[in-house]
C-alpha atoms as a PDB file:
ATOM      1  CA  MET A   1      92.288 130.595  87.788  1.00  0.00           C
ATOM      2  CA  TYR A   2      93.901 132.631  90.576  1.00  0.00           C
ATOM      3  CA  LEU A   3      94.179 136.279  89.508  1.00  0.00           C
ATOM      4  CA  VAL A   4      97.342 137.425  91.293  1.00  0.00           C
ATOM      5  CA  GLU A   5     100.823 138.148  89.983  1.00  0.00           C
ATOM      6  CA  LYS A   6     102.559 136.381  92.858  1.00  0.00           C
ATOM      7  CA  VAL A   7     101.433 133.824  95.397  1.00  0.00           C
ATOM      8  CA  ARG A   8     102.280 135.289  98.801  1.00  0.00           C
ATOM      9  CA  THR A   9     103.444 132.337 100.863  1.00  0.00           C
ATOM     10  CA  GLY A  10     104.191 131.957 104.559  1.00  0.00           C
ATOM     11  CA  PHE A  11     105.690 129.118 106.566  1.00  0.00           C
ATOM     12  CA  LEU A  12     103.788 127.683 109.522  1.00  0.00           C
ATOM     13  CA  GLY A  13     106.434 125.886 111.539  1.00  0.00           C
ATOM     14  CA  VAL A  14     109.976 125.226 110.336  1.00  0.00           C
ATOM     15  CA  ALA A  15     110.980 122.375 112.641  1.00  0.00           C
ATOM     16  CA  HIS A  16     111.235 119.845 109.824  1.00  0.00           C
ATOM     17  CA  PHE A  17     114.500 119.353 107.943  1.00  0.00           C
ATOM     18  CA  HIS A  18     112.746 120.009 104.629  1.00  0.00           C
ATOM     19  CA  ALA A  19     111.683 123.573 105.479  1.00  0.00           C
ATOM     20  CA  ASP A  20     114.898 125.122 104.174  1.00  0.00           C
ATOM     21  CA  SER A  21     114.786 123.250 100.882  1.00  0.00           C
ATOM     22  CA  TYR A  22     111.192 124.274 100.217  1.00  0.00           C
ATOM     23  CA  ALA A  23     112.009 127.895 101.065  1.00  0.00           C
ATOM     24  CA  GLN A  24     115.044 127.889  98.768  1.00  0.00           C
ATOM     25  CA  SER A  25     112.876 126.446  96.004  1.00  0.00           C
ATOM     26  CA  LEU A  26     110.130 128.998  96.577  1.00  0.00           C
ATOM     27  CA  LYS A  27     112.545 131.907  96.271  1.00  0.00           C
ATOM     28  CA  THR A  28     113.587 130.771  92.776  1.00  0.00           C
ATOM     29  CA  ILE A  29     110.017 130.898  91.452  1.00  0.00           C
ATOM     30  CA  PRO A  30     109.107 134.311  89.954  1.00  0.00           C
ATOM     31  CA  GLN A  31     105.387 133.772  90.583  1.00  0.00           C
ATOM     32  CA  ALA A  32     105.893 133.197  94.324  1.00  0.00           C
ATOM     33  CA  GLU A  33     106.867 135.445  97.205  1.00  0.00           C
ATOM     34  CA  LEU A  34     108.017 134.290 100.639  1.00  0.00           C
ATOM     35  CA  VAL A  35     106.390 136.770 103.032  1.00  0.00           C
ATOM     36  CA  GLY A  36     106.901 135.458 106.558  1.00  0.00           C
ATOM     37  CA  VAL A  37     107.429 132.676 109.053  1.00  0.00           C
ATOM     38  CA  PHE A  38     105.692 131.561 112.224  1.00  0.00           C
ATOM     39  CA  ASP A  39     107.047 129.004 114.656  1.00  0.00           C
ATOM     40  CA  ARG A  40     106.310 128.408 118.327  1.00  0.00           C
ATOM     41  CA  ASP A  41     110.072 128.177 118.790  1.00  0.00           C
ATOM     42  CA  LYS A  42     111.185 131.783 118.323  1.00  0.00           C
ATOM     43  CA  GLY A  43     114.778 130.667 117.920  1.00  0.00           C
ATOM     44  CA  LEU A  44     113.912 128.498 114.924  1.00  0.00           C
ATOM     45  CA  ALA A  45     111.786 131.270 113.432  1.00  0.00           C
ATOM     46  CA  HIS A  46     114.611 133.789 113.857  1.00  0.00           C
ATOM     47  CA  GLU A  47     117.155 131.447 112.264  1.00  0.00           C
ATOM     48  CA  PHE A  48     114.834 130.887 109.289  1.00  0.00           C
ATOM     49  CA  SER A  49     114.143 134.625 109.074  1.00  0.00           C
ATOM     50  CA  GLN A  50     117.840 135.465 108.916  1.00  0.00           C
ATOM     51  CA  LYS A  51     118.559 132.782 106.358  1.00  0.00           C
ATOM     52  CA  PHE A  52     115.790 133.782 103.946  1.00  0.00           C
ATOM     53  CA  SER A  53     115.384 137.504 104.741  1.00  0.00           C
ATOM     54  CA  VAL A  54     111.736 137.321 105.766  1.00  0.00           C
ATOM     55  CA  PRO A  55     109.922 138.725 108.813  1.00  0.00           C
ATOM     56  CA  THR A  56     108.895 136.548 111.740  1.00  0.00           C
ATOM     57  CA  TYR A  57     105.395 136.526 113.195  1.00  0.00           C
ATOM     58  CA  ASP A  58     104.572 135.676 116.805  1.00  0.00           C
ATOM     59  CA  ASP A  59     100.881 135.479 115.903  1.00  0.00           C
ATOM     60  CA  MET A  60      99.898 132.930 113.265  1.00  0.00           C
ATOM     61  CA  GLU A  61      96.657 134.781 112.542  1.00  0.00           C
ATOM     62  CA  LYS A  62      98.559 137.915 111.512  1.00  0.00           C
ATOM     63  CA  LEU A  63     100.708 135.936 109.093  1.00  0.00           C
ATOM     64  CA  LEU A  64      97.651 134.241 107.611  1.00  0.00           C
ATOM     65  CA  LYS A  65      96.074 137.623 106.882  1.00  0.00           C
ATOM     66  CA  ILE A  66      98.836 138.561 104.433  1.00  0.00           C
ATOM     67  CA  CYS A  67      99.199 135.127 102.784  1.00  0.00           C
ATOM     68  CA  ASP A  68      97.617 133.457  99.811  1.00  0.00           C
ATOM     69  CA  ALA A  69      99.216 130.121 100.700  1.00  0.00           C
ATOM     70  CA  VAL A  70     101.168 128.409 103.461  1.00  0.00           C
ATOM     71  CA  VAL A  71     103.808 125.717 103.743  1.00  0.00           C
ATOM     72  CA  ILE A  72     103.455 123.559 106.863  1.00  0.00           C
ATOM     73  CA  THR A  73     106.770 122.094 108.009  1.00  0.00           C
ATOM     74  CA  SER A  74     106.156 122.013 111.740  1.00  0.00           C
ATOM     75  CA  GLU A  75     106.370 119.066 114.102  1.00  0.00           C
ATOM     76  CA  ASN A  76     104.007 116.323 112.900  1.00  0.00           C
ATOM     77  CA  ALA A  77     101.591 116.696 115.810  1.00  0.00           C
ATOM     78  CA  LEU A  78     100.914 120.329 114.842  1.00  0.00           C
ATOM     79  CA  HIS A  79     100.104 119.707 111.165  1.00  0.00           C
ATOM     80  CA  HIS A  80      96.381 119.283 111.774  1.00  0.00           C
ATOM     81  CA  GLU A  81      96.002 122.406 113.925  1.00  0.00           C
ATOM     82  CA  TYR A  82      97.907 124.596 111.483  1.00  0.00           C
ATOM     83  CA  ALA A  83      96.201 123.158 108.408  1.00  0.00           C
ATOM     84  CA  VAL A  84      92.732 123.648 109.873  1.00  0.00           C
ATOM     85  CA  LYS A  85      93.460 127.294 110.719  1.00  0.00           C
ATOM     86  CA  ALA A  86      94.859 127.964 107.264  1.00  0.00           C
ATOM     87  CA  ALA A  87      92.037 126.159 105.472  1.00  0.00           C
ATOM     88  CA  GLU A  88      89.374 127.988 107.452  1.00  0.00           C
ATOM     89  CA  GLU A  89      90.939 131.235 106.223  1.00  0.00           C
ATOM     90  CA  GLY A  90      90.812 129.952 102.641  1.00  0.00           C
ATOM     91  CA  LYS A  91      94.578 129.632 102.265  1.00  0.00           C
ATOM     92  CA  HIS A  92      96.142 127.096  99.933  1.00  0.00           C
ATOM     93  CA  ILE A  93      98.280 124.537 101.725  1.00  0.00           C
ATOM     94  CA  LEU A  94     101.479 122.615 101.015  1.00  0.00           C
ATOM     95  CA  CYS A  95     101.809 120.143 103.879  1.00  0.00           C
ATOM     96  CA  GLU A  96     104.782 118.040 104.957  1.00  0.00           C
ATOM     97  CA  LYS A  97     104.091 114.375 105.600  1.00  0.00           C
ATOM     98  CA  PRO A  98     102.442 112.857 107.532  1.00  0.00           C
ATOM     99  CA  MET A  99      99.354 114.970 106.945  1.00  0.00           C
ATOM    100  CA  THR A 100      98.142 114.204 110.475  1.00  0.00           C
ATOM    101  CA  THR A 101      98.879 111.664 113.186  1.00  0.00           C
ATOM    102  CA  THR A 102      95.289 110.401 113.551  1.00  0.00           C
ATOM    103  CA  LEU A 103      92.733 109.231 111.007  1.00  0.00           C
ATOM    104  CA  ARG A 104      90.005 111.343 112.574  1.00  0.00           C
ATOM    105  CA  ASP A 105      92.061 114.486 112.000  1.00  0.00           C
ATOM    106  CA  ALA A 106      92.842 113.369 108.445  1.00  0.00           C
ATOM    107  CA  ASP A 107      89.167 112.870 107.630  1.00  0.00           C
ATOM    108  CA  GLU A 108      88.332 116.279 109.081  1.00  0.00           C
ATOM    109  CA  LEU A 109      90.899 117.886 106.796  1.00  0.00           C
ATOM    110  CA  VAL A 110      89.559 116.070 103.739  1.00  0.00           C
ATOM    111  CA  GLY A 111      86.097 117.467 104.435  1.00  0.00           C
ATOM    112  CA  LEU A 112      87.356 120.975 105.146  1.00  0.00           C
ATOM    113  CA  VAL A 113      89.508 121.143 102.017  1.00  0.00           C
ATOM    114  CA  GLU A 114      86.586 119.991  99.881  1.00  0.00           C
ATOM    115  CA  LYS A 115      84.324 122.576 101.512  1.00  0.00           C
ATOM    116  CA  LYS A 116      86.760 125.472 101.066  1.00  0.00           C
ATOM    117  CA  ARG A 117      87.851 124.399  97.566  1.00  0.00           C
ATOM    118  CA  ILE A 118      91.469 125.246  98.224  1.00  0.00           C
ATOM    119  CA  VAL A 119      94.586 123.674  96.757  1.00  0.00           C
ATOM    120  CA  PHE A 120      95.900 121.174  99.296  1.00  0.00           C
ATOM    121  CA  GLN A 121      99.086 119.470  98.245  1.00  0.00           C
ATOM    122  CA  MET A 122     101.035 116.843 100.146  1.00  0.00           C
ATOM    123  CA  CYS A 123     104.825 116.904 100.185  1.00  0.00           C
ATOM    124  CA  TYR A 124     105.039 113.444  98.632  1.00  0.00           C
ATOM    125  CA  VAL A 125     108.229 114.549  97.000  1.00  0.00           C
ATOM    126  CA  MET A 126     109.084 111.161  95.502  1.00  0.00           C
ATOM    127  CA  ARG A 127     106.215 111.566  93.034  1.00  0.00           C
ATOM    128  CA  TYR A 128     108.281 114.385  91.531  1.00  0.00           C
ATOM    129  CA  HIS A 129     111.531 112.526  91.006  1.00  0.00           C
ATOM    130  CA  THR A 130     112.252 111.899  87.327  1.00  0.00           C
ATOM    131  CA  VAL A 131     113.053 108.210  87.801  1.00  0.00           C
ATOM    132  CA  THR A 132     109.922 107.396  89.803  1.00  0.00           C
ATOM    133  CA  SER A 133     107.809 109.322  87.290  1.00  0.00           C
ATOM    134  CA  LEU A 134     109.395 107.342  84.458  1.00  0.00           C
ATOM    135  CA  ALA A 135     108.829 104.080  86.326  1.00  0.00           C
ATOM    136  CA  ARG A 136     105.154 104.902  86.754  1.00  0.00           C
ATOM    137  CA  ASP A 137     104.786 105.758  83.072  1.00  0.00           C
ATOM    138  CA  LEU A 138     106.366 102.437  82.103  1.00  0.00           C
ATOM    139  CA  VAL A 139     104.146 100.440  84.456  1.00  0.00           C
ATOM    140  CA  VAL A 140     100.970 102.253  83.395  1.00  0.00           C
ATOM    141  CA  GLY A 141     102.012 101.763  79.771  1.00  0.00           C
ATOM    142  CA  GLY A 142     102.223  98.010  80.296  1.00  0.00           C
ATOM    143  CA  ARG A 143     105.959  97.698  79.647  1.00  0.00           C
ATOM    144  CA  ILE A 144     106.482  95.111  82.409  1.00  0.00           C
ATOM    145  CA  GLY A 145     103.110  93.440  82.047  1.00  0.00           C
ATOM    146  CA  ARG A 146     100.975  92.810  85.103  1.00  0.00           C
ATOM    147  CA  LEU A 147     102.536  94.201  88.266  1.00  0.00           C
ATOM    148  CA  LEU A 148     103.289  91.370  90.687  1.00  0.00           C
ATOM    149  CA  VAL A 149     105.674  92.514  93.427  1.00  0.00           C
ATOM    150  CA  MET A 150     107.170  95.819  94.621  1.00  0.00           C
ATOM    151  CA  VAL A 151     110.185  95.870  96.956  1.00  0.00           C
ATOM    152  CA  GLY A 152     111.333  99.214  98.337  1.00  0.00           C
ATOM    153  CA  THR A 153     113.737 100.809 100.786  1.00  0.00           C
ATOM    154  CA  ASN A 154     113.712 104.280 102.299  1.00  0.00           C
ATOM    155  CA  LYS A 155     116.377 103.873 104.953  1.00  0.00           C
ATOM    156  CA  LEU A 156     117.821 106.783 106.920  1.00  0.00           C
ATOM    157  CA  ASN A 157     121.126 107.566 108.576  1.00  0.00           C
ATOM    158  CA  ARG A 158     120.471 106.809 112.251  1.00  0.00           C
ATOM    159  CA  SER A 159     122.132 110.048 113.403  1.00  0.00           C
ATOM    160  CA  LEU A 160     119.738 112.390 111.552  1.00  0.00           C
ATOM    161  CA  PRO A 161     116.620 111.982 113.759  1.00  0.00           C
ATOM    162  CA  LEU A 162     118.774 112.908 116.760  1.00  0.00           C
ATOM    163  CA  LEU A 163     119.523 116.346 115.290  1.00  0.00           C
ATOM    164  CA  ARG A 164     115.989 117.538 116.105  1.00  0.00           C
ATOM    165  CA  ALA A 165     114.706 116.432 119.522  1.00  0.00           C
ATOM    166  CA  TRP A 166     111.063 116.386 118.445  1.00  0.00           C
ATOM    167  CA  PHE A 167     111.747 113.676 115.855  1.00  0.00           C
ATOM    168  CA  THR A 168     112.106 111.076 118.603  1.00  0.00           C
ATOM    169  CA  ASP A 169     109.505 112.592 120.949  1.00  0.00           C
ATOM    170  CA  LYS A 170     106.333 110.621 120.278  1.00  0.00           C
ATOM    171  CA  SER A 171     104.082 113.405 121.560  1.00  0.00           C
ATOM    172  CA  LEU A 172     105.369 115.668 118.773  1.00  0.00           C
ATOM    173  CA  SER A 173     106.288 113.217 116.008  1.00  0.00           C
ATOM    174  CA  GLY A 174     103.502 110.675 116.456  1.00  0.00           C
ATOM    175  CA  GLY A 175     106.039 107.855 116.234  1.00  0.00           C
ATOM    176  CA  GLY A 176     109.425 106.901 114.865  1.00  0.00           C
ATOM    177  CA  ALA A 177     110.561 105.331 111.609  1.00  0.00           C
ATOM    178  CA  VAL A 178     107.086 103.970 110.787  1.00  0.00           C
ATOM    179  CA  MET A 179     105.503 107.424 111.055  1.00  0.00           C
ATOM    180  CA  ASP A 180     108.417 109.004 109.224  1.00  0.00           C
ATOM    181  CA  HIS A 181     109.077 106.630 106.333  1.00  0.00           C
ATOM    182  CA  THR A 182     106.109 104.329 105.688  1.00  0.00           C
ATOM    183  CA  VAL A 183     104.437 106.997 103.630  1.00  0.00           C
ATOM    184  CA  HIS A 184     106.953 107.579 100.835  1.00  0.00           C
ATOM    185  CA  LEU A 185     107.051 103.987  99.620  1.00  0.00           C
ATOM    186  CA  SER A 186     103.430 103.123 100.362  1.00  0.00           C
ATOM    187  CA  ASP A 187     102.441 106.228  98.410  1.00  0.00           C
ATOM    188  CA  LEU A 188     104.737 105.347  95.507  1.00  0.00           C
ATOM    189  CA  MET A 189     103.198 101.882  95.454  1.00  0.00           C
ATOM    190  CA  ARG A 190      99.689 103.371  95.363  1.00  0.00           C
ATOM    191  CA  TRP A 191     100.680 105.865  92.674  1.00  0.00           C
ATOM    192  CA  ILE A 192     102.552 103.446  90.441  1.00  0.00           C
ATOM    193  CA  SER A 193     100.066 100.574  90.712  1.00  0.00           C
ATOM    194  CA  SER A 194      96.959 102.810  90.616  1.00  0.00           C
ATOM    195  CA  ALA A 195      95.617 100.602  93.420  1.00  0.00           C
ATOM    196  CA  GLU A 196      94.925 101.092  97.115  1.00  0.00           C
ATOM    197  CA  VAL A 197      96.624  99.281  99.979  1.00  0.00           C
ATOM    198  CA  VAL A 198      94.074  96.769 101.276  1.00  0.00           C
ATOM    199  CA  GLU A 199      96.155  94.897 103.863  1.00  0.00           C
ATOM    200  CA  VAL A 200      99.214  95.670 105.991  1.00  0.00           C
ATOM    201  CA  TYR A 201     101.499  93.495 108.098  1.00  0.00           C
ATOM    202  CA  THR A 202     104.357  95.127 110.025  1.00  0.00           C
ATOM    203  CA  GLU A 203     107.135  94.118 112.402  1.00  0.00           C
ATOM    204  CA  ILE A 204     108.657  96.931 114.486  1.00  0.00           C
ATOM    205  CA  GLY A 205     111.792  97.201 116.624  1.00  0.00           C
ATOM    206  CA  ARG A 206     114.239  99.490 118.389  1.00  0.00           C
ATOM    207  CA  ASN A 207     117.393  97.897 117.073  1.00  0.00           C
ATOM    208  CA  ALA A 208     119.885 100.567 116.001  1.00  0.00           C
ATOM    209  CA  ASN A 209     119.322 102.713 119.095  1.00  0.00           C
ATOM    210  CA  PRO A 210     117.451 100.860 121.885  1.00  0.00           C
ATOM    211  CA  LYS A 211     117.427 104.016 124.048  1.00  0.00           C
ATOM    212  CA  LEU A 212     114.955 105.786 121.774  1.00  0.00           C
ATOM    213  CA  GLN A 213     111.344 106.074 122.951  1.00  0.00           C
ATOM    214  CA  VAL A 214     110.203 105.443 119.368  1.00  0.00           C
ATOM    215  CA  GLU A 215     110.899 102.643 116.892  1.00  0.00           C
ATOM    216  CA  ASP A 216     113.864 102.903 114.533  1.00  0.00           C
ATOM    217  CA  SER A 217     113.367  99.679 112.569  1.00  0.00           C
ATOM    218  CA  PHE A 218     110.462  98.155 110.693  1.00  0.00           C
ATOM    219  CA  LEU A 219     109.528  95.906 107.819  1.00  0.00           C
ATOM    220  CA  THR A 220     106.089  96.151 106.248  1.00  0.00           C
ATOM    221  CA  THR A 221     104.321  93.944 103.730  1.00  0.00           C
ATOM    222  CA  VAL A 222     101.333  95.398 101.904  1.00  0.00           C
ATOM    223  CA  VAL A 223      98.736  93.802  99.668  1.00  0.00           C
ATOM    224  CA  MET A 224      97.340  96.062  96.965  1.00  0.00           C
ATOM    225  CA  GLY A 225      93.845  96.109  95.554  1.00  0.00           C
ATOM    226  CA  ASP A 226      95.127  94.765  92.231  1.00  0.00           C
ATOM    227  CA  GLY A 227      96.603  91.700  93.951  1.00  0.00           C
ATOM    228  CA  SER A 228     100.228  92.837  93.811  1.00  0.00           C
ATOM    229  CA  ILE A 229     102.375  92.642  96.944  1.00  0.00           C
ATOM    230  CA  GLY A 230     104.738  95.276  98.314  1.00  0.00           C
ATOM    231  CA  HIS A 231     107.568  95.146 100.836  1.00  0.00           C
ATOM    232  CA  ILE A 232     108.863  98.249 102.640  1.00  0.00           C
ATOM    233  CA  ASP A 233     111.983  98.853 104.735  1.00  0.00           C
ATOM    234  CA  GLY A 234     112.009 102.442 105.958  1.00  0.00           C
ATOM    235  CA  SER A 235     114.243 101.933 108.972  1.00  0.00           C
ATOM    236  CA  TRP A 236     116.572 104.480 110.531  1.00  0.00           C
ATOM    237  CA  THR A 237     119.403 101.956 110.461  1.00  0.00           C
ATOM    238  CA  TYR A 238     122.201 103.255 108.269  1.00  0.00           C
ATOM    239  CA  SER A 239     125.238 103.829 110.490  1.00  0.00           C
ATOM    240  CA  SER A 240     126.056 107.388 111.535  1.00  0.00           C
ATOM    241  CA  GLY A 241     129.185 107.202 109.363  1.00  0.00           C
ATOM    242  CA  HIS A 242     127.260 106.152 106.267  1.00  0.00           C
ATOM    243  CA  TYR A 243     128.136 108.211 103.207  1.00  0.00           C
ATOM    244  CA  THR A 244     124.560 109.341 102.475  1.00  0.00           C
ATOM    245  CA  TRP A 245     121.579 110.617 104.417  1.00  0.00           C
ATOM    246  CA  GLY A 246     119.685 107.513 103.279  1.00  0.00           C
ATOM    247  CA  ASP A 247     118.069 106.078 100.171  1.00  0.00           C
ATOM    248  CA  VAL A 248     114.951 105.512  98.112  1.00  0.00           C
ATOM    249  CA  THR A 249     114.992 102.351  96.010  1.00  0.00           C
ATOM    250  CA  LEU A 250     112.169 100.424  94.414  1.00  0.00           C
ATOM    251  CA  GLU A 251     112.164  97.200  92.431  1.00  0.00           C
ATOM    252  CA  LEU A 252     109.058  96.543  90.362  1.00  0.00           C
ATOM    253  CA  LEU A 253     108.565  92.977  89.177  1.00  0.00           C
ATOM    254  CA  GLY A 254     105.990  92.332  86.492  1.00  0.00           C
ATOM    255  CA  SER A 255     104.766  89.393  84.469  1.00  0.00           C
ATOM    256  CA  GLU A 256     106.853  90.537  81.488  1.00  0.00           C
ATOM    257  CA  GLY A 257     109.750  92.511  82.943  1.00  0.00           C
ATOM    258  CA  VAL A 258     111.487  94.182  85.869  1.00  0.00           C
ATOM    259  CA  LEU A 259     112.179  97.837  86.724  1.00  0.00           C
ATOM    260  CA  GLN A 260     114.870  98.782  89.228  1.00  0.00           C
ATOM    261  CA  VAL A 261     114.762 102.319  90.623  1.00  0.00           C
ATOM    262  CA  ASP A 262     117.513 103.950  92.686  1.00  0.00           C
ATOM    263  CA  ALA A 263     116.327 107.524  93.038  1.00  0.00           C
ATOM    264  CA  PHE A 264     119.570 109.067  94.286  1.00  0.00           C
ATOM    265  CA  ARG A 265     122.038 106.996  92.299  1.00  0.00           C
ATOM    266  CA  GLN A 266     123.354 110.067  90.476  1.00  0.00           C
ATOM    267  CA  ASN A 267     126.093 110.912  92.945  1.00  0.00           C
ATOM    268  CA  VAL A 268     129.823 111.280  93.478  1.00  0.00           C
ATOM    269  CA  TYR A 269     131.635 109.648  96.411  1.00  0.00           C
ATOM    270  CA  PHE A 270     135.325 110.307  96.983  1.00  0.00           C
ATOM    271  CA  ILE A 271     137.925 109.781  99.710  1.00  0.00           C
ATOM    272  CA  SER A 272     141.542 110.889  99.358  1.00  0.00           C
ATOM    273  CA  SER A 273     144.065 108.158 100.146  1.00  0.00           C
ATOM    274  CA  GLU A 274     146.564 110.805 101.222  1.00  0.00           C
ATOM    275  CA  LYS A 275     144.216 112.966 103.267  1.00  0.00           C
ATOM    276  CA  PRO A 276     141.416 110.840 104.748  1.00  0.00           C
ATOM    277  CA  ASP A 277     139.727 113.920 106.212  1.00  0.00           C
ATOM    278  CA  ASP A 278     139.804 115.758 102.878  1.00  0.00           C
ATOM    279  CA  ARG A 279     136.851 114.071 101.281  1.00  0.00           C
ATOM    280  CA  LEU A 280     133.673 114.752  99.402  1.00  0.00           C
ATOM    281  CA  VAL A 281     131.515 112.277 101.265  1.00  0.00           C
ATOM    282  CA  TRP A 282     128.523 112.336  98.954  1.00  0.00           C
ATOM    283  CA  HIS A 283     127.278 114.746  96.317  1.00  0.00           C
ATOM    284  CA  TYR A 284     123.979 114.217  94.518  1.00  0.00           C
ATOM    285  CA  TYR A 285     123.674 115.815  91.081  1.00  0.00           C
ATOM    286  CA  GLY A 286     120.335 114.502  89.851  1.00  0.00           C
ATOM    287  CA  CYS A 287     117.004 116.308  89.585  1.00  0.00           C
ATOM    288  CA  ASN A 288     115.635 118.514  92.369  1.00  0.00           C
ATOM    289  CA  PRO A 289     112.267 116.987  93.283  1.00  0.00           C
ATOM    290  CA  ASP A 290     111.700 119.551  96.053  1.00  0.00           C
ATOM    291  CA  LEU A 291     111.804 122.346  93.477  1.00  0.00           C
ATOM    292  CA  LEU A 292     109.444 120.459  91.157  1.00  0.00           C
ATOM    293  CA  LEU A 293     107.069 119.883  94.078  1.00  0.00           C
ATOM    294  CA  VAL A 294     106.955 123.554  95.056  1.00  0.00           C
ATOM    295  CA  LYS A 295     106.616 124.680  91.429  1.00  0.00           C
ATOM    296  CA  ASP A 296     103.629 122.377  90.996  1.00  0.00           C
ATOM    297  CA  PHE A 297     101.996 123.844  94.096  1.00  0.00           C
ATOM    298  CA  ILE A 298     102.342 127.405  92.817  1.00  0.00           C
ATOM    299  CA  GLN A 299     101.212 126.457  89.305  1.00  0.00           C
ATOM    300  CA  CYS A 300      98.130 124.673  90.666  1.00  0.00           C
ATOM    301  CA  ILE A 301      97.155 127.812  92.573  1.00  0.00           C
ATOM    302  CA  LEU A 302      97.671 130.147  89.618  1.00  0.00           C
ATOM    303  CA  GLY A 303      96.351 127.868  86.899  1.00  0.00           C
ATOM    304  CA  GLY A 304      93.594 125.999  88.685  1.00  0.00           C
ATOM    305  CA  GLY A 305      95.259 122.617  88.255  1.00  0.00           C
ATOM    306  CA  LYS A 306      95.166 119.602  90.511  1.00  0.00           C
ATOM    307  CA  PRO A 307      98.226 118.682  92.598  1.00  0.00           C
ATOM    308  CA  ARG A 308      99.962 115.388  91.951  1.00  0.00           C
ATOM    309  CA  ALA A 309      99.383 114.391  95.590  1.00  0.00           C
ATOM    310  CA  ASN A 310      96.233 115.800  97.181  1.00  0.00           C
ATOM    311  CA  VAL A 311      94.501 115.749 100.555  1.00  0.00           C
ATOM    312  CA  TYR A 312      93.022 112.301  99.916  1.00  0.00           C
ATOM    313  CA  ASP A 313      96.498 110.926  99.193  1.00  0.00           C
ATOM    314  CA  GLY A 314      97.557 112.437 102.509  1.00  0.00           C
ATOM    315  CA  ARG A 315      94.670 110.705 104.233  1.00  0.00           C
ATOM    316  CA  GLN A 316      95.571 107.344 102.710  1.00  0.00           C
ATOM    317  CA  GLY A 317      99.169 107.733 103.848  1.00  0.00           C
ATOM    318  CA  VAL A 318      97.972 108.226 107.413  1.00  0.00           C
ATOM    319  CA  ALA A 319      95.676 105.193 107.139  1.00  0.00           C
ATOM    320  CA  VAL A 320      98.478 102.870 106.002  1.00  0.00           C
ATOM    321  CA  THR A 321     100.866 104.189 108.660  1.00  0.00           C
ATOM    322  CA  LEU A 322      98.383 103.701 111.491  1.00  0.00           C
ATOM    323  CA  ALA A 323      97.482 100.246 110.182  1.00  0.00           C
ATOM    324  CA  SER A 324     101.179  99.394 110.373  1.00  0.00           C
ATOM    325  CA  TYR A 325     101.289 100.293 114.055  1.00  0.00           C
ATOM    326  CA  GLN A 326      98.108  98.331 114.739  1.00  0.00           C
ATOM    327  CA  SER A 327      99.457  95.306 112.877  1.00  0.00           C
ATOM    328  CA  SER A 328     102.650  95.339 114.905  1.00  0.00           C
ATOM    329  CA  MET A 329     100.787  95.606 118.211  1.00  0.00           C
ATOM    330  CA  GLU A 330      98.288  92.871 117.367  1.00  0.00           C
ATOM    331  CA  GLY A 331     100.637  90.583 115.439  1.00  0.00           C
ATOM    332  CA  ARG A 332      98.306  90.191 112.471  1.00  0.00           C
ATOM    333  CA  PRO A 333      97.529  91.712 109.070  1.00  0.00           C
ATOM    334  CA  VAL A 334      95.296  94.802 109.254  1.00  0.00           C
ATOM    335  CA  ARG A 335      93.096  96.559 106.708  1.00  0.00           C
ATOM    336  CA  PRO A 336      93.769 100.323 106.625  1.00  0.00           C
ATOM    337  CA  GLY A 337      90.871 102.447 107.841  1.00  0.00           C
END
């Protein structure tokens, strides 16, 4: 049990698109207080500061001194450095995916989190969506019998990665679509099947935008420890004029039934025939999984609970992602490390 009235929370890096959503969610939670932001890019920090009325810190150590917890939404390559510094100070951590870009760094974090006994929660936001949670309950409850095959998509509008230069800079992102989108579906498959990924085969390409230095297209097949098979398309291949940012879909085929999940199906799409430019392109009105994710983080800190996605889940996400890259380079199935 954490004996404080409010969890004082700071942001370490706000380069990721999700930073704003997590901050907005945090500010709606009475038991949490947003106390500051640090980013190497002072312009980004200032913009975040103005938007959420919080002070900026040029020194991460000074921000850590006044925090109980941190949210890490920096460039991927900085996750490990920031998480280690926060963990060493005993701060609870909510970390954007991927947890790290190397398995060695991931294993170091697992050990450090266990040693410090802090709450470490991964931003595996799809575990918090009502439809994926329901799907898991149905599978675990045996409603579709033995799980045989899982087919998922997590495609992205190809224009979005171009909005932040670091997203397509391998030195900062660690990779392209594989690094960005393998994790959500591979994690859902682990979570829903209650089995680990034991084999990965991946084909990678630069198809939608050949000028990128990172991949924008991939297809991955995974074999789970329970014998079920999964297929993942997490490509950045929706056209720039596509009506949504992307999608998350998952079809679960069992020995006695089928579940079809379309996580963001609750939406409105409208174009005026008289005024083509006067349009509501896409409006989602379903649950807010980001808010549920952040609430869980705060509740775990205050109540001593365990997060739905922990540091080990983060480590496994890194392992599957890196196995995907290795498989593509070597042209063969690979066992995750």
